[in-house]
Amino acid sequence: MRIELPSGTSAELVGPAAGPSDRGLVVVPDVMGMRPLFDDLVVRLAGEQGWSVCAFELYPGREDLEVADRLVAGATLDDDRVLGDAVAAADATGADTVGILGFCMGGMYVLKAVSTGRFHRHCPFYGMIHVPEQWRGPGQGEPLDHLAAGDPGSVLAIIGTADAWTPPDHVDELEVAGATVVRYEGAEHGFVHDASRPAHRIDDAADAWTRALAWLAG
């Protein structure tokens, strides 16, 4: 069901059919934000894992922005607001133990969410390890700085080796910082979460989901 977080941000919250769960999961969408792809993902994860799952919009009040405009507007996003919404989404699950996963820009915010201390495990899928130049703005802090403010060992990062958004030297930095990194050879950006994308890789996506969900269940 659609809910509104305290900030006014729209979110989708789904609980397991069996009733309230003591485990929760927050999903941070890619740059395109909330759409049927993520509504369906929330339902699937809640049903398969028996967790309460909540996903929220990255661009509240600007949901109609096209992808090119969203990429430009990344510089206007504010860590305090986005991470505040992530924590509020965790609270909305009603669970004490909550994990977080995200994709692309959402994966970058999963790395930043380590600094909140709210999440027991973090799983960024091809999240940017440094803020891309076009997204640098006054409200954007560096993911590795946020990582250092929390527990880097709580991170399992899913990375494609052919992803220009996560170049190898950045990935090495993430690993040196203490995160666990799983590299998929030859995989491009977005190879897991959207089967309609040309970059999607069925076998690698299945393996990545298995690893991520096992990590989050730990």
N, C-alpha and C. Protein backbone atom coordinates (compact mmCIF):
# COMPACT_ATOMS: atom_id res chain seq x y z
N MET A 1 0.84 -1.19 0.00
CA MET A 1 0.00 0.00 0.00
C MET A 1 0.88 1.24 0.00
N ARG A 2 0.36 2.31 -0.59
CA ARG A 2 1.07 3.58 -0.59
C ARG A 2 0.91 4.25 0.76
N ILE A 3 2.03 4.73 1.29
CA ILE A 3 2.02 5.49 2.53
C ILE A 3 2.79 6.78 2.31
N GLU A 4 2.72 7.67 3.27
CA GLU A 4 3.49 8.91 3.22
C GLU A 4 4.42 8.95 4.42
N LEU A 5 5.70 9.09 4.16
CA LEU A 5 6.67 9.21 5.24
C LEU A 5 6.53 10.57 5.91
N PRO A 6 7.09 10.77 7.11
CA PRO A 6 6.94 12.05 7.82
C PRO A 6 7.37 13.26 7.00
N SER A 7 8.32 13.07 6.07
CA SER A 7 8.78 14.18 5.23
C SER A 7 7.80 14.54 4.14
N GLY A 8 6.80 13.68 3.92
CA GLY A 8 5.87 13.86 2.82
C GLY A 8 6.20 13.00 1.62
N THR A 9 7.31 12.28 1.67
CA THR A 9 7.72 11.41 0.57
C THR A 9 6.81 10.20 0.48
N SER A 10 6.44 9.85 -0.76
CA SER A 10 5.62 8.68 -1.01
C SER A 10 6.46 7.41 -0.91
N ALA A 11 5.85 6.36 -0.36
CA ALA A 11 6.53 5.08 -0.23
C ALA A 11 5.53 3.95 -0.42
N GLU A 12 6.05 2.79 -0.80
CA GLU A 12 5.24 1.57 -0.92
C GLU A 12 5.64 0.62 0.19
N LEU A 13 4.67 0.17 0.99
CA LEU A 13 4.91 -0.70 2.14
C LEU A 13 4.09 -1.96 1.98
N VAL A 14 4.74 -3.12 2.06
CA VAL A 14 4.06 -4.40 1.96
C VAL A 14 4.58 -5.32 3.05
N GLY A 15 3.65 -5.95 3.76
CA GLY A 15 4.03 -6.91 4.78
C GLY A 15 3.72 -8.32 4.33
N PRO A 16 4.31 -9.32 4.97
CA PRO A 16 4.04 -10.71 4.60
C PRO A 16 2.60 -11.09 4.93
N ALA A 17 2.07 -12.07 4.18
CA ALA A 17 0.69 -12.50 4.38
C ALA A 17 0.46 -13.05 5.78
N ALA A 18 1.51 -13.59 6.39
CA ALA A 18 1.37 -14.20 7.71
C ALA A 18 1.20 -13.18 8.82
N GLY A 19 1.40 -11.91 8.52
CA GLY A 19 1.27 -10.89 9.55
C GLY A 19 2.58 -10.18 9.81
N PRO A 20 2.63 -9.30 10.81
CA PRO A 20 3.83 -8.50 11.06
C PRO A 20 5.08 -9.36 11.21
N SER A 21 6.18 -8.85 10.68
CA SER A 21 7.45 -9.57 10.73
C SER A 21 8.43 -8.84 11.64
N ASP A 22 9.32 -9.61 12.25
CA ASP A 22 10.37 -8.98 13.07
C ASP A 22 11.58 -8.58 12.23
N ARG A 23 11.51 -8.85 10.91
CA ARG A 23 12.58 -8.44 9.99
C ARG A 23 12.00 -7.51 8.94
N GLY A 24 12.76 -6.47 8.62
CA GLY A 24 12.32 -5.51 7.62
C GLY A 24 13.39 -5.29 6.57
N LEU A 25 12.98 -4.70 5.47
CA LEU A 25 13.88 -4.38 4.37
C LEU A 25 13.44 -3.07 3.73
N VAL A 26 14.40 -2.19 3.50
CA VAL A 26 14.16 -0.95 2.76
C VAL A 26 14.80 -1.11 1.38
N VAL A 27 14.05 -0.72 0.35
CA VAL A 27 14.53 -0.77 -1.03
C VAL A 27 14.63 0.66 -1.55
N VAL A 28 15.81 1.03 -2.04
CA VAL A 28 16.01 2.37 -2.60
C VAL A 28 16.07 2.23 -4.12
N PRO A 29 15.14 2.83 -4.85
CA PRO A 29 15.08 2.63 -6.30
C PRO A 29 16.28 3.23 -7.03
N ASP A 30 16.35 2.93 -8.31
CA ASP A 30 17.33 3.57 -9.17
C ASP A 30 16.91 5.00 -9.46
N VAL A 31 17.63 5.67 -10.34
CA VAL A 31 17.41 7.09 -10.59
C VAL A 31 15.99 7.39 -11.07
N MET A 32 15.31 6.40 -11.67
CA MET A 32 13.95 6.62 -12.17
C MET A 32 12.90 6.54 -11.08
N GLY A 33 13.27 6.18 -9.88
CA GLY A 33 12.36 6.26 -8.75
C GLY A 33 11.28 5.19 -8.75
N MET A 34 10.23 5.44 -7.98
CA MET A 34 9.15 4.49 -7.80
C MET A 34 8.34 4.36 -9.09
N ARG A 35 8.06 3.11 -9.46
CA ARG A 35 7.27 2.78 -10.64
C ARG A 35 6.85 1.32 -10.49
N PRO A 36 6.04 0.78 -11.40
CA PRO A 36 5.56 -0.61 -11.23
C PRO A 36 6.66 -1.63 -10.99
N LEU A 37 7.83 -1.43 -11.59
CA LEU A 37 8.94 -2.36 -11.37
C LEU A 37 9.23 -2.52 -9.89
N PHE A 38 9.24 -1.41 -9.16
CA PHE A 38 9.58 -1.46 -7.74
C PHE A 38 8.37 -1.82 -6.88
N ASP A 39 7.18 -1.44 -7.29
CA ASP A 39 5.99 -1.93 -6.59
C ASP A 39 5.96 -3.46 -6.60
N ASP A 40 6.24 -4.04 -7.78
CA ASP A 40 6.24 -5.50 -7.90
C ASP A 40 7.37 -6.13 -7.09
N LEU A 41 8.53 -5.48 -7.08
CA LEU A 41 9.66 -6.02 -6.33
C LEU A 41 9.37 -6.06 -4.84
N VAL A 42 8.76 -5.00 -4.33
CA VAL A 42 8.40 -4.96 -2.90
C VAL A 42 7.46 -6.11 -2.55
N VAL A 43 6.46 -6.33 -3.40
CA VAL A 43 5.51 -7.42 -3.16
C VAL A 43 6.22 -8.77 -3.20
N ARG A 44 7.09 -8.95 -4.19
CA ARG A 44 7.79 -10.23 -4.33
C ARG A 44 8.70 -10.51 -3.13
N LEU A 45 9.48 -9.51 -2.73
CA LEU A 45 10.40 -9.72 -1.62
C LEU A 45 9.65 -9.99 -0.31
N ALA A 46 8.56 -9.28 -0.08
CA ALA A 46 7.78 -9.51 1.13
C ALA A 46 7.21 -10.92 1.15
N GLY A 47 6.71 -11.36 -0.01
CA GLY A 47 6.12 -12.68 -0.07
C GLY A 47 7.14 -13.80 0.03
N GLU A 48 8.28 -13.64 -0.66
CA GLU A 48 9.28 -14.71 -0.68
C GLU A 48 10.08 -14.80 0.61
N GLN A 49 10.38 -13.64 1.21
CA GLN A 49 11.24 -13.63 2.38
C GLN A 49 10.49 -13.58 3.70
N GLY A 50 9.19 -13.23 3.65
CA GLY A 50 8.44 -13.09 4.89
C GLY A 50 8.84 -11.87 5.69
N TRP A 51 9.34 -10.83 4.99
CA TRP A 51 9.75 -9.59 5.63
C TRP A 51 8.75 -8.48 5.32
N SER A 52 8.74 -7.45 6.15
CA SER A 52 8.04 -6.22 5.82
C SER A 52 8.99 -5.37 4.98
N VAL A 53 8.53 -4.92 3.81
CA VAL A 53 9.41 -4.27 2.84
C VAL A 53 8.83 -2.90 2.46
N CYS A 54 9.70 -1.90 2.43
CA CYS A 54 9.27 -0.54 2.11
C CYS A 54 10.26 0.09 1.13
N ALA A 55 9.73 0.65 0.04
CA ALA A 55 10.53 1.40 -0.93
C ALA A 55 9.99 2.81 -1.01
N PHE A 56 10.86 3.79 -1.28
CA PHE A 56 10.42 5.18 -1.29
C PHE A 56 10.96 5.92 -2.50
N GLU A 57 10.31 7.03 -2.84
CA GLU A 57 10.65 7.85 -4.00
C GLU A 57 11.87 8.73 -3.71
N LEU A 58 12.84 8.73 -4.65
CA LEU A 58 14.03 9.56 -4.49
C LEU A 58 13.77 11.03 -4.81
N TYR A 59 12.79 11.30 -5.67
CA TYR A 59 12.51 12.67 -6.11
C TYR A 59 11.08 13.06 -5.75
N PRO A 60 10.75 13.14 -4.47
CA PRO A 60 9.37 13.46 -4.09
C PRO A 60 8.95 14.83 -4.63
N GLY A 61 7.74 14.84 -5.18
CA GLY A 61 7.22 16.07 -5.78
C GLY A 61 7.71 16.31 -7.19
N ARG A 62 8.64 15.47 -7.66
CA ARG A 62 9.18 15.60 -9.01
C ARG A 62 9.13 14.26 -9.73
N GLU A 63 8.11 13.48 -9.42
CA GLU A 63 8.00 12.14 -9.96
C GLU A 63 7.88 12.11 -11.48
N ASP A 64 7.43 13.19 -12.08
CA ASP A 64 7.22 13.21 -13.54
C ASP A 64 8.50 13.51 -14.33
N LEU A 65 9.61 13.76 -13.66
CA LEU A 65 10.85 14.04 -14.36
C LEU A 65 11.27 12.85 -15.22
N GLU A 66 11.70 13.13 -16.45
CA GLU A 66 12.26 12.09 -17.31
C GLU A 66 13.69 11.77 -16.85
N VAL A 67 14.23 10.67 -17.38
CA VAL A 67 15.53 10.21 -16.90
C VAL A 67 16.62 11.25 -17.09
N ALA A 68 16.65 11.94 -18.22
CA ALA A 68 17.69 12.94 -18.45
C ALA A 68 17.60 14.06 -17.43
N ASP A 69 16.38 14.47 -17.09
CA ASP A 69 16.19 15.53 -16.10
C ASP A 69 16.55 15.03 -14.70
N ARG A 70 16.27 13.78 -14.42
CA ARG A 70 16.63 13.23 -13.11
C ARG A 70 18.15 13.17 -12.96
N LEU A 71 18.84 12.81 -14.03
CA LEU A 71 20.30 12.76 -13.95
C LEU A 71 20.87 14.15 -13.67
N VAL A 72 20.30 15.18 -14.28
CA VAL A 72 20.74 16.55 -14.02
C VAL A 72 20.39 16.96 -12.60
N ALA A 73 19.19 16.58 -12.16
CA ALA A 73 18.69 17.01 -10.84
C ALA A 73 19.35 16.25 -9.69
N GLY A 74 20.20 15.26 -10.00
CA GLY A 74 20.89 14.55 -8.92
C GLY A 74 21.68 15.48 -8.02
N ALA A 75 22.16 16.59 -8.58
CA ALA A 75 22.94 17.54 -7.78
C ALA A 75 22.09 18.28 -6.76
N THR A 76 20.76 18.22 -6.91
CA THR A 76 19.88 18.94 -5.98
C THR A 76 19.44 18.05 -4.81
N LEU A 77 19.76 16.77 -4.87
CA LEU A 77 19.35 15.88 -3.78
C LEU A 77 20.18 16.15 -2.53
N ASP A 78 19.58 15.90 -1.40
CA ASP A 78 20.20 16.21 -0.11
C ASP A 78 20.30 14.94 0.72
N ASP A 79 21.50 14.62 1.17
CA ASP A 79 21.70 13.40 1.95
C ASP A 79 20.81 13.34 3.18
N ASP A 80 20.67 14.45 3.88
CA ASP A 80 19.87 14.44 5.10
C ASP A 80 18.43 14.03 4.80
N ARG A 81 17.87 14.54 3.70
CA ARG A 81 16.50 14.20 3.35
C ARG A 81 16.39 12.75 2.91
N VAL A 82 17.29 12.30 2.01
CA VAL A 82 17.20 10.94 1.49
C VAL A 82 17.46 9.92 2.60
N LEU A 83 18.50 10.14 3.39
CA LEU A 83 18.80 9.19 4.46
C LEU A 83 17.73 9.26 5.56
N GLY A 84 17.16 10.44 5.78
CA GLY A 84 16.04 10.54 6.71
C GLY A 84 14.86 9.73 6.24
N ASP A 85 14.59 9.76 4.93
CA ASP A 85 13.50 8.95 4.38
C ASP A 85 13.82 7.46 4.49
N ALA A 86 15.08 7.10 4.30
CA ALA A 86 15.46 5.69 4.43
C ALA A 86 15.21 5.19 5.85
N VAL A 87 15.59 5.98 6.83
CA VAL A 87 15.36 5.60 8.23
C VAL A 87 13.86 5.56 8.53
N ALA A 88 13.10 6.53 8.02
CA ALA A 88 11.65 6.54 8.22
C ALA A 88 11.00 5.32 7.57
N ALA A 89 11.51 4.93 6.40
CA ALA A 89 10.99 3.73 5.74
C ALA A 89 11.28 2.49 6.59
N ALA A 90 12.47 2.44 7.20
CA ALA A 90 12.78 1.33 8.10
C ALA A 90 11.82 1.30 9.27
N ASP A 91 11.55 2.45 9.85
CA ASP A 91 10.62 2.51 10.97
C ASP A 91 9.22 2.09 10.55
N ALA A 92 8.84 2.41 9.29
CA ALA A 92 7.51 2.07 8.80
C ALA A 92 7.30 0.57 8.70
N THR A 93 8.39 -0.20 8.56
CA THR A 93 8.24 -1.66 8.51
C THR A 93 7.82 -2.24 9.85
N GLY A 94 8.02 -1.49 10.94
CA GLY A 94 7.68 -1.98 12.26
C GLY A 94 8.67 -2.98 12.82
N ALA A 95 9.78 -3.18 12.12
CA ALA A 95 10.77 -4.17 12.53
C ALA A 95 11.97 -3.49 13.19
N ASP A 96 12.56 -4.17 14.15
CA ASP A 96 13.78 -3.67 14.76
C ASP A 96 15.01 -3.97 13.90
N THR A 97 15.03 -5.15 13.31
CA THR A 97 16.15 -5.57 12.47
C THR A 97 15.78 -5.32 11.01
N VAL A 98 16.46 -4.37 10.39
CA VAL A 98 16.10 -3.95 9.03
C VAL A 98 17.37 -3.89 8.18
N GLY A 99 17.30 -4.49 7.00
CA GLY A 99 18.36 -4.38 6.02
C GLY A 99 17.97 -3.35 4.96
N ILE A 100 18.91 -3.04 4.08
CA ILE A 100 18.65 -2.07 3.03
C ILE A 100 19.39 -2.49 1.76
N LEU A 101 18.70 -2.39 0.63
CA LEU A 101 19.34 -2.62 -0.66
C LEU A 101 18.89 -1.52 -1.62
N GLY A 102 19.68 -1.30 -2.66
CA GLY A 102 19.33 -0.27 -3.63
C GLY A 102 20.13 -0.45 -4.91
N PHE A 103 19.67 0.23 -5.94
CA PHE A 103 20.22 0.06 -7.27
C PHE A 103 20.66 1.39 -7.86
N CYS A 104 21.85 1.40 -8.49
CA CYS A 104 22.30 2.60 -9.21
C CYS A 104 22.42 3.75 -8.20
N MET A 105 21.73 4.86 -8.44
CA MET A 105 21.74 5.96 -7.46
C MET A 105 21.28 5.45 -6.10
N GLY A 106 20.29 4.57 -6.09
CA GLY A 106 19.83 3.99 -4.83
C GLY A 106 20.91 3.19 -4.14
N GLY A 107 21.77 2.53 -4.92
CA GLY A 107 22.88 1.82 -4.34
C GLY A 107 23.89 2.76 -3.70
N MET A 108 24.09 3.92 -4.31
CA MET A 108 24.97 4.93 -3.72
C MET A 108 24.43 5.35 -2.35
N TYR A 109 23.10 5.52 -2.27
CA TYR A 109 22.53 5.92 -0.99
C TYR A 109 22.55 4.79 0.03
N VAL A 110 22.58 3.55 -0.43
CA VAL A 110 22.75 2.44 0.50
C VAL A 110 24.12 2.51 1.16
N LEU A 111 25.15 2.83 0.38
CA LEU A 111 26.47 3.04 0.97
C LEU A 111 26.44 4.17 1.99
N LYS A 112 25.76 5.25 1.65
CA LYS A 112 25.68 6.37 2.59
C LYS A 112 24.89 6.01 3.84
N ALA A 113 23.92 5.11 3.70
CA ALA A 113 23.07 4.75 4.83
C ALA A 113 23.82 4.04 5.94
N VAL A 114 25.03 3.56 5.65
CA VAL A 114 25.84 2.94 6.70
C VAL A 114 26.05 3.91 7.86
N SER A 115 26.16 5.18 7.55
CA SER A 115 26.43 6.18 8.59
C SER A 115 25.26 6.38 9.54
N THR A 116 24.04 5.95 9.16
CA THR A 116 22.89 6.16 10.03
C THR A 116 22.87 5.20 11.22
N GLY A 117 23.50 4.04 11.07
CA GLY A 117 23.48 3.04 12.12
C GLY A 117 22.15 2.32 12.26
N ARG A 118 21.19 2.59 11.39
CA ARG A 118 19.84 2.01 11.52
C ARG A 118 19.75 0.60 10.93
N PHE A 119 20.62 0.28 9.98
CA PHE A 119 20.47 -0.95 9.22
C PHE A 119 21.52 -1.98 9.60
N HIS A 120 21.09 -3.24 9.74
CA HIS A 120 22.05 -4.26 10.18
C HIS A 120 22.89 -4.77 9.02
N ARG A 121 22.38 -4.75 7.81
CA ARG A 121 23.13 -5.17 6.63
C ARG A 121 22.77 -4.24 5.47
N HIS A 122 23.74 -4.02 4.57
CA HIS A 122 23.58 -3.12 3.43
C HIS A 122 23.99 -3.85 2.16
N CYS A 123 23.19 -3.72 1.11
CA CYS A 123 23.53 -4.37 -0.14
C CYS A 123 23.29 -3.41 -1.31
N PRO A 124 24.33 -2.68 -1.74
CA PRO A 124 24.21 -1.83 -2.92
C PRO A 124 24.48 -2.61 -4.20
N PHE A 125 23.56 -2.50 -5.15
CA PHE A 125 23.77 -3.06 -6.47
C PHE A 125 24.29 -1.95 -7.37
N TYR A 126 25.52 -2.09 -7.82
CA TYR A 126 26.20 -1.13 -8.70
C TYR A 126 25.95 0.32 -8.28
N GLY A 127 26.10 0.56 -6.98
CA GLY A 127 25.99 1.92 -6.44
C GLY A 127 27.28 2.69 -6.64
N MET A 128 27.17 3.96 -6.95
CA MET A 128 28.34 4.78 -7.21
C MET A 128 29.16 4.93 -5.92
N ILE A 129 30.46 4.73 -6.02
CA ILE A 129 31.35 4.72 -4.86
C ILE A 129 31.87 6.13 -4.58
N HIS A 130 31.97 6.94 -5.61
CA HIS A 130 32.18 8.38 -5.49
C HIS A 130 31.00 9.07 -6.17
N VAL A 131 30.58 10.21 -5.64
CA VAL A 131 29.49 10.96 -6.26
C VAL A 131 29.92 11.38 -7.67
N PRO A 132 29.17 10.99 -8.70
CA PRO A 132 29.52 11.43 -10.06
C PRO A 132 29.57 12.95 -10.15
N GLU A 133 30.46 13.44 -10.99
CA GLU A 133 30.67 14.88 -11.07
C GLU A 133 29.38 15.65 -11.30
N GLN A 134 28.50 15.11 -12.15
CA GLN A 134 27.28 15.85 -12.48
C GLN A 134 26.28 15.86 -11.33
N TRP A 135 26.49 15.04 -10.31
CA TRP A 135 25.59 15.02 -9.15
C TRP A 135 26.14 15.75 -7.94
N ARG A 136 27.33 16.32 -8.06
CA ARG A 136 27.93 16.97 -6.90
C ARG A 136 27.23 18.27 -6.61
N GLY A 137 26.67 18.35 -5.41
CA GLY A 137 25.98 19.55 -4.97
C GLY A 137 26.19 19.74 -3.49
N PRO A 138 25.68 20.81 -2.92
CA PRO A 138 25.94 21.11 -1.51
C PRO A 138 25.40 20.07 -0.55
N GLY A 139 24.38 19.33 -0.97
CA GLY A 139 23.80 18.33 -0.08
C GLY A 139 24.33 16.93 -0.27
N GLN A 140 25.28 16.74 -1.20
CA GLN A 140 25.78 15.42 -1.53
C GLN A 140 27.14 15.17 -0.87
N GLY A 141 27.17 14.24 0.09
CA GLY A 141 28.43 13.83 0.69
C GLY A 141 28.99 12.61 -0.03
N GLU A 142 30.24 12.31 0.21
CA GLU A 142 30.90 11.19 -0.44
C GLU A 142 30.52 9.86 0.23
N PRO A 143 30.15 8.86 -0.57
CA PRO A 143 29.78 7.57 0.01
C PRO A 143 30.85 6.96 0.92
N LEU A 144 32.12 7.06 0.54
CA LEU A 144 33.16 6.45 1.36
C LEU A 144 33.30 7.15 2.71
N ASP A 145 33.00 8.44 2.77
CA ASP A 145 33.01 9.13 4.06
C ASP A 145 31.89 8.63 4.96
N HIS A 146 30.71 8.43 4.37
CA HIS A 146 29.60 7.87 5.14
C HIS A 146 29.93 6.45 5.59
N LEU A 147 30.55 5.68 4.70
CA LEU A 147 30.92 4.31 5.04
C LEU A 147 31.85 4.27 6.24
N ALA A 148 32.82 5.17 6.25
CA ALA A 148 33.80 5.20 7.34
C ALA A 148 33.17 5.60 8.67
N ALA A 149 32.00 6.26 8.61
CA ALA A 149 31.33 6.69 9.84
C ALA A 149 30.51 5.58 10.48
N GLY A 150 30.42 4.42 9.82
CA GLY A 150 29.67 3.30 10.36
C GLY A 150 30.47 2.02 10.29
N ASP A 151 29.81 0.93 9.96
CA ASP A 151 30.45 -0.38 9.91
C ASP A 151 30.59 -0.83 8.46
N PRO A 152 31.75 -0.63 7.84
CA PRO A 152 31.93 -1.06 6.45
C PRO A 152 31.73 -2.56 6.24
N GLY A 153 31.96 -3.34 7.29
CA GLY A 153 31.80 -4.78 7.18
C GLY A 153 30.37 -5.24 7.01
N SER A 154 29.42 -4.31 7.15
CA SER A 154 28.00 -4.65 6.96
C SER A 154 27.57 -4.57 5.50
N VAL A 155 28.51 -4.26 4.61
CA VAL A 155 28.20 -4.02 3.19
C VAL A 155 28.61 -5.19 2.32
N LEU A 156 27.66 -5.65 1.50
CA LEU A 156 27.95 -6.55 0.39
C LEU A 156 27.61 -5.80 -0.89
N ALA A 157 28.60 -5.50 -1.71
CA ALA A 157 28.41 -4.71 -2.92
C ALA A 157 28.41 -5.61 -4.15
N ILE A 158 27.38 -5.47 -4.97
CA ILE A 158 27.26 -6.21 -6.23
C ILE A 158 27.74 -5.29 -7.35
N ILE A 159 28.76 -5.73 -8.08
CA ILE A 159 29.42 -4.87 -9.06
C ILE A 159 29.62 -5.62 -10.38
N GLY A 160 29.42 -4.93 -11.51
CA GLY A 160 29.78 -5.46 -12.82
C GLY A 160 31.11 -4.86 -13.25
N THR A 161 32.00 -5.68 -13.78
CA THR A 161 33.34 -5.18 -14.09
C THR A 161 33.34 -4.27 -15.32
N ALA A 162 32.25 -4.27 -16.12
CA ALA A 162 32.18 -3.41 -17.30
C ALA A 162 31.28 -2.20 -17.07
N ASP A 163 31.06 -1.84 -15.82
CA ASP A 163 30.17 -0.73 -15.45
C ASP A 163 30.99 0.55 -15.34
N ALA A 164 30.72 1.50 -16.23
CA ALA A 164 31.47 2.76 -16.23
C ALA A 164 31.16 3.61 -15.00
N TRP A 165 30.03 3.36 -14.34
CA TRP A 165 29.68 4.13 -13.13
C TRP A 165 30.46 3.67 -11.91
N THR A 166 31.04 2.48 -11.97
CA THR A 166 31.84 1.96 -10.85
C THR A 166 33.17 1.46 -11.40
N PRO A 167 34.07 2.38 -11.77
CA PRO A 167 35.35 1.97 -12.35
C PRO A 167 36.18 1.14 -11.37
N PRO A 168 37.07 0.30 -11.90
CA PRO A 168 37.81 -0.64 -11.05
C PRO A 168 38.56 0.00 -9.89
N ASP A 169 39.14 1.19 -10.10
CA ASP A 169 39.88 1.80 -8.99
C ASP A 169 38.94 2.22 -7.86
N HIS A 170 37.73 2.64 -8.21
CA HIS A 170 36.75 2.96 -7.18
C HIS A 170 36.34 1.70 -6.42
N VAL A 171 36.14 0.61 -7.15
CA VAL A 171 35.74 -0.65 -6.53
C VAL A 171 36.84 -1.13 -5.58
N ASP A 172 38.09 -0.99 -6.00
CA ASP A 172 39.20 -1.35 -5.12
C ASP A 172 39.17 -0.53 -3.84
N GLU A 173 38.87 0.76 -3.95
CA GLU A 173 38.77 1.62 -2.76
C GLU A 173 37.69 1.12 -1.82
N LEU A 174 36.56 0.73 -2.39
CA LEU A 174 35.46 0.23 -1.56
C LEU A 174 35.86 -1.03 -0.81
N GLU A 175 36.58 -1.90 -1.48
CA GLU A 175 37.02 -3.14 -0.85
C GLU A 175 38.05 -2.86 0.23
N VAL A 176 38.98 -1.96 -0.05
CA VAL A 176 39.99 -1.60 0.95
C VAL A 176 39.33 -0.97 2.18
N ALA A 177 38.23 -0.26 1.97
CA ALA A 177 37.52 0.38 3.08
C ALA A 177 36.83 -0.62 3.99
N GLY A 178 36.69 -1.88 3.54
CA GLY A 178 36.15 -2.91 4.42
C GLY A 178 34.89 -3.58 3.93
N ALA A 179 34.36 -3.15 2.79
CA ALA A 179 33.16 -3.78 2.24
C ALA A 179 33.52 -5.10 1.56
N THR A 180 32.57 -6.02 1.54
CA THR A 180 32.70 -7.23 0.73
C THR A 180 32.18 -6.93 -0.67
N VAL A 181 32.97 -7.24 -1.69
CA VAL A 181 32.60 -6.93 -3.07
C VAL A 181 32.49 -8.22 -3.87
N VAL A 182 31.39 -8.36 -4.59
CA VAL A 182 31.21 -9.48 -5.52
C VAL A 182 31.23 -8.89 -6.92
N ARG A 183 32.23 -9.28 -7.71
CA ARG A 183 32.39 -8.77 -9.07
C ARG A 183 31.85 -9.78 -10.08
N TYR A 184 31.09 -9.28 -11.05
CA TYR A 184 30.57 -10.11 -12.14
C TYR A 184 31.28 -9.70 -13.42
N GLU A 185 32.11 -10.59 -13.92
CA GLU A 185 32.97 -10.29 -15.05
C GLU A 185 32.15 -9.97 -16.31
N GLY A 186 32.45 -8.79 -16.89
CA GLY A 186 31.81 -8.38 -18.13
C GLY A 186 30.43 -7.80 -17.98
N ALA A 187 29.90 -7.76 -16.75
CA ALA A 187 28.55 -7.23 -16.55
C ALA A 187 28.56 -5.70 -16.59
N GLU A 188 27.53 -5.13 -17.24
CA GLU A 188 27.40 -3.69 -17.34
C GLU A 188 26.45 -3.17 -16.27
N HIS A 189 26.29 -1.86 -16.25
CA HIS A 189 25.43 -1.22 -15.25
C HIS A 189 23.98 -1.70 -15.39
N GLY A 190 23.36 -2.01 -14.26
CA GLY A 190 21.95 -2.39 -14.26
C GLY A 190 21.68 -3.81 -14.70
N PHE A 191 22.63 -4.72 -14.48
CA PHE A 191 22.48 -6.07 -15.02
C PHE A 191 21.57 -6.97 -14.20
N VAL A 192 21.09 -6.50 -13.03
CA VAL A 192 20.32 -7.38 -12.14
C VAL A 192 18.83 -7.07 -12.12
N HIS A 193 18.45 -5.83 -11.84
CA HIS A 193 17.11 -5.58 -11.33
C HIS A 193 16.01 -5.37 -12.35
N ASP A 194 16.35 -5.15 -13.62
CA ASP A 194 15.33 -4.85 -14.63
C ASP A 194 15.56 -5.73 -15.84
N ALA A 195 14.72 -6.77 -15.97
CA ALA A 195 14.89 -7.74 -17.05
C ALA A 195 14.66 -7.15 -18.43
N SER A 196 14.06 -5.95 -18.52
CA SER A 196 13.81 -5.34 -19.82
C SER A 196 15.04 -4.61 -20.36
N ARG A 197 16.07 -4.45 -19.55
CA ARG A 197 17.25 -3.71 -20.00
C ARG A 197 18.17 -4.61 -20.81
N PRO A 198 18.80 -4.05 -21.85
CA PRO A 198 19.75 -4.85 -22.64
C PRO A 198 20.90 -5.40 -21.81
N ALA A 199 21.24 -4.71 -20.73
CA ALA A 199 22.37 -5.15 -19.89
C ALA A 199 22.02 -6.33 -19.00
N HIS A 200 20.73 -6.70 -18.91
CA HIS A 200 20.32 -7.76 -17.98
C HIS A 200 21.01 -9.08 -18.32
N ARG A 201 21.47 -9.77 -17.27
CA ARG A 201 22.14 -11.07 -17.43
C ARG A 201 21.44 -12.05 -16.50
N ILE A 202 20.70 -12.97 -17.08
CA ILE A 202 19.81 -13.82 -16.30
C ILE A 202 20.56 -14.60 -15.22
N ASP A 203 21.61 -15.29 -15.60
CA ASP A 203 22.32 -16.14 -14.64
C ASP A 203 23.02 -15.31 -13.57
N ASP A 204 23.68 -14.23 -13.98
CA ASP A 204 24.36 -13.38 -13.01
C ASP A 204 23.36 -12.72 -12.08
N ALA A 205 22.21 -12.31 -12.63
CA ALA A 205 21.19 -11.69 -11.78
C ALA A 205 20.68 -12.66 -10.73
N ALA A 206 20.44 -13.90 -11.13
CA ALA A 206 19.96 -14.90 -10.18
C ALA A 206 20.99 -15.14 -9.09
N ASP A 207 22.25 -15.23 -9.48
CA ASP A 207 23.31 -15.45 -8.49
C ASP A 207 23.42 -14.25 -7.54
N ALA A 208 23.33 -13.05 -8.10
CA ALA A 208 23.43 -11.84 -7.27
C ALA A 208 22.29 -11.77 -6.27
N TRP A 209 21.08 -12.09 -6.71
CA TRP A 209 19.94 -12.08 -5.78
C TRP A 209 20.14 -13.11 -4.66
N THR A 210 20.61 -14.29 -5.00
CA THR A 210 20.84 -15.31 -3.99
C THR A 210 21.83 -14.83 -2.94
N ARG A 211 22.93 -14.24 -3.40
CA ARG A 211 23.94 -13.75 -2.47
C ARG A 211 23.41 -12.59 -1.63
N ALA A 212 22.70 -11.67 -2.27
CA ALA A 212 22.22 -10.49 -1.55
C ALA A 212 21.22 -10.86 -0.47
N LEU A 213 20.27 -11.72 -0.81
CA LEU A 213 19.24 -12.07 0.16
C LEU A 213 19.81 -12.90 1.30
N ALA A 214 20.79 -13.74 1.00
CA ALA A 214 21.45 -14.48 2.08
C ALA A 214 22.19 -13.52 3.01
N TRP A 215 22.83 -12.51 2.44
CA TRP A 215 23.54 -11.51 3.23
C TRP A 215 22.56 -10.74 4.13
N LEU A 216 21.46 -10.31 3.55
CA LEU A 216 20.49 -9.52 4.30
C LEU A 216 19.79 -10.36 5.38
N ALA A 217 19.69 -11.65 5.15
CA ALA A 217 19.06 -12.54 6.15
C ALA A 217 19.97 -12.87 7.30
N GLY A 218 21.28 -12.55 7.17
CA GLY A 218 22.25 -12.90 8.19
C GLY A 218 22.08 -12.16 9.50
